[in-house]
Amino acid sequence: MERLGVREEDLRERFIRSSGPGGQKVNKTASCVHIVHRPTGLAVKCQQERSQALNRFLARRLLLDRIERLQTGLVSAERAKTEKLRRQKRRRSRRSKEKILAAKHLQAEKKALRTRVGQEDS
């Protein structure tokens, strides 16, 4: 926390009831931890374990990882990577499809001209 410049006063911590597996223990105790880092507005919720103390530790670790990624600029790199994937997966426009098909027809015509002289198509 010191290395990243995060102070204890900057964190707002709440304990809420978890959901999911765990049965009566989870339903009765507030073991889910919700931490907000006020200066950046980053929020983390952790309910991986049944123990509140362990969830506090894990939530802080998650929050510090996110703050570190934000400070080093990895967040923008990850966002750029996901944006690139999204662009690659989207459907082509009609115009670009027509261009690709026109280029393929030209290539086919070039290949058709490569046949031997005097050879007939069968």
Protein backbone atom coordinates (compact mmCIF):
# COMPACT_ATOMS: atom_id res chain seq x y z
CA MET A 1 0.00 0.00 0.00
CA GLU A 2 2.86 2.36 0.82
CA ARG A 3 4.56 1.69 -2.51
CA LEU A 4 1.42 2.73 -4.42
CA GLY A 5 0.69 5.67 -2.14
CA VAL A 6 -2.62 4.29 -0.88
CA ARG A 7 -3.57 5.38 2.62
CA GLU A 8 -5.98 3.67 4.95
CA GLU A 9 -8.06 6.88 5.17
CA ASP A 10 -8.67 6.76 1.40
CA LEU A 11 -10.50 3.43 1.66
CA ARG A 12 -14.18 3.06 2.49
CA GLU A 13 -14.97 -0.45 3.63
CA ARG A 14 -18.40 -2.06 4.02
CA PHE A 15 -19.41 -5.55 5.04
CA ILE A 16 -22.47 -7.05 3.42
CA ARG A 17 -24.07 -10.48 3.26
CA SER A 18 -22.64 -12.81 0.66
CA SER A 19 -24.64 -14.82 -1.80
CA GLY A 20 -24.11 -18.21 -3.34
CA PRO A 21 -22.90 -21.44 -1.72
CA GLY A 22 -22.15 -21.57 1.98
CA GLY A 23 -25.56 -22.26 3.43
CA GLN A 24 -26.71 -20.86 6.75
CA LYS A 25 -23.25 -19.53 7.60
CA VAL A 26 -23.24 -17.22 4.57
CA ASN A 27 -26.86 -16.17 5.02
CA LYS A 28 -26.40 -15.09 8.65
CA THR A 29 -23.01 -13.33 8.61
CA ALA A 30 -21.83 -10.32 6.65
CA SER A 31 -18.70 -11.87 5.20
CA CYS A 32 -18.68 -10.09 1.82
CA VAL A 33 -16.31 -7.11 1.74
CA HIS A 34 -16.90 -4.04 -0.45
CA ILE A 35 -13.97 -1.57 -0.61
CA VAL A 36 -13.96 1.75 -2.47
CA HIS A 37 -10.80 3.79 -3.07
CA ARG A 38 -12.13 7.34 -2.87
CA PRO A 39 -9.47 9.21 -4.93
CA THR A 40 -9.77 6.93 -7.98
CA GLY A 41 -13.34 5.71 -7.47
CA LEU A 42 -12.30 2.08 -7.94
CA ALA A 43 -14.53 -0.40 -6.14
CA VAL A 44 -13.90 -4.06 -5.30
CA LYS A 45 -16.28 -6.65 -3.90
CA CYS A 46 -14.93 -9.94 -2.57
CA GLN A 47 -16.93 -12.93 -1.35
CA GLN A 48 -14.62 -15.77 -2.37
CA GLU A 49 -14.22 -17.22 1.12
CA ARG A 50 -16.57 -17.76 4.04
CA SER A 51 -14.29 -15.83 6.37
CA GLN A 52 -14.65 -12.05 6.58
CA ALA A 53 -10.98 -11.55 7.51
CA LEU A 54 -9.77 -13.52 4.53
CA ASN A 55 -12.16 -11.65 2.23
CA ARG A 56 -10.82 -8.33 3.57
CA PHE A 57 -7.29 -9.38 2.71
CA LEU A 58 -8.25 -10.61 -0.77
CA ALA A 59 -10.30 -7.49 -1.50
CA ARG A 60 -7.41 -5.22 -0.58
CA ARG A 61 -5.07 -7.23 -2.77
CA LEU A 62 -7.48 -6.98 -5.70
CA LEU A 63 -7.89 -3.25 -5.19
CA LEU A 64 -4.14 -2.67 -5.03
CA ASP A 65 -3.65 -4.70 -8.22
CA ARG A 66 -6.21 -2.55 -10.02
CA ILE A 67 -4.66 0.68 -8.74
CA GLU A 68 -1.24 -0.51 -9.86
CA ARG A 69 -2.54 -1.36 -13.34
CA LEU A 70 -4.19 2.05 -13.52
CA GLN A 71 -0.98 3.84 -12.53
CA THR A 72 1.27 1.89 -14.91
CA GLY A 73 -1.07 2.40 -17.86
CA LEU A 74 -1.91 -1.27 -18.37
CA VAL A 75 -5.61 -0.46 -18.28
CA SER A 76 -5.41 1.52 -21.52
CA ALA A 77 -3.37 -1.27 -23.13
CA GLU A 78 -5.96 -3.88 -22.10
CA ARG A 79 -8.77 -1.67 -23.37
CA ALA A 80 -6.96 -1.25 -26.69
CA LYS A 81 -6.50 -5.01 -26.97
CA THR A 82 -10.20 -5.71 -26.36
CA GLU A 83 -11.18 -2.97 -28.82
CA LYS A 84 -8.91 -4.53 -31.47
CA LEU A 85 -10.54 -7.94 -30.91
CA ARG A 86 -13.98 -6.39 -31.19
CA ARG A 87 -13.06 -4.75 -34.51
CA GLN A 88 -11.67 -8.03 -35.83
CA LYS A 89 -14.83 -9.96 -34.97
CA ARG A 90 -17.40 -7.52 -36.32
CA ARG A 91 -19.07 -8.18 -39.66
CA ARG A 92 -17.67 -6.61 -42.81
CA SER A 93 -19.61 -3.90 -44.57
CA ARG A 94 -21.22 -4.55 -47.93
CA ARG A 95 -18.70 -2.30 -49.68
CA SER A 96 -15.69 -4.13 -48.23
CA LYS A 97 -17.20 -7.50 -49.20
CA GLU A 98 -17.64 -6.25 -52.77
CA LYS A 99 -14.02 -5.08 -52.87
CA ILE A 100 -12.74 -8.44 -51.66
CA LEU A 101 -14.86 -10.32 -54.23
CA ALA A 102 -13.69 -8.03 -57.04
CA ALA A 103 -10.06 -8.69 -56.11
CA LYS A 104 -10.74 -12.45 -56.09
CA HIS A 105 -12.34 -12.29 -59.56
CA LEU A 106 -9.29 -10.43 -60.91
CA GLN A 107 -6.98 -13.08 -59.44
CA ALA A 108 -9.09 -15.84 -61.00
CA GLU A 109 -8.88 -14.16 -64.41
CA LYS A 110 -5.07 -13.93 -64.10
CA LYS A 111 -4.87 -17.62 -63.25
CA ALA A 112 -7.15 -18.51 -66.15
CA LEU A 113 -4.69 -16.81 -68.54
CA ARG A 114 -1.87 -19.07 -67.30
CA THR A 115 -3.19 -22.16 -69.04
CA ARG A 116 -1.00 -23.67 -71.79
CA VAL A 117 -1.48 -22.57 -75.34
CA GLY A 118 -3.41 -25.04 -77.41
CA GLN A 119 -4.90 -26.78 -74.39
CA GLU A 120 -8.66 -26.87 -74.43
CA ASP A 121 -10.97 -26.86 -71.45
CA SER A 122 -12.77 -30.13 -70.91
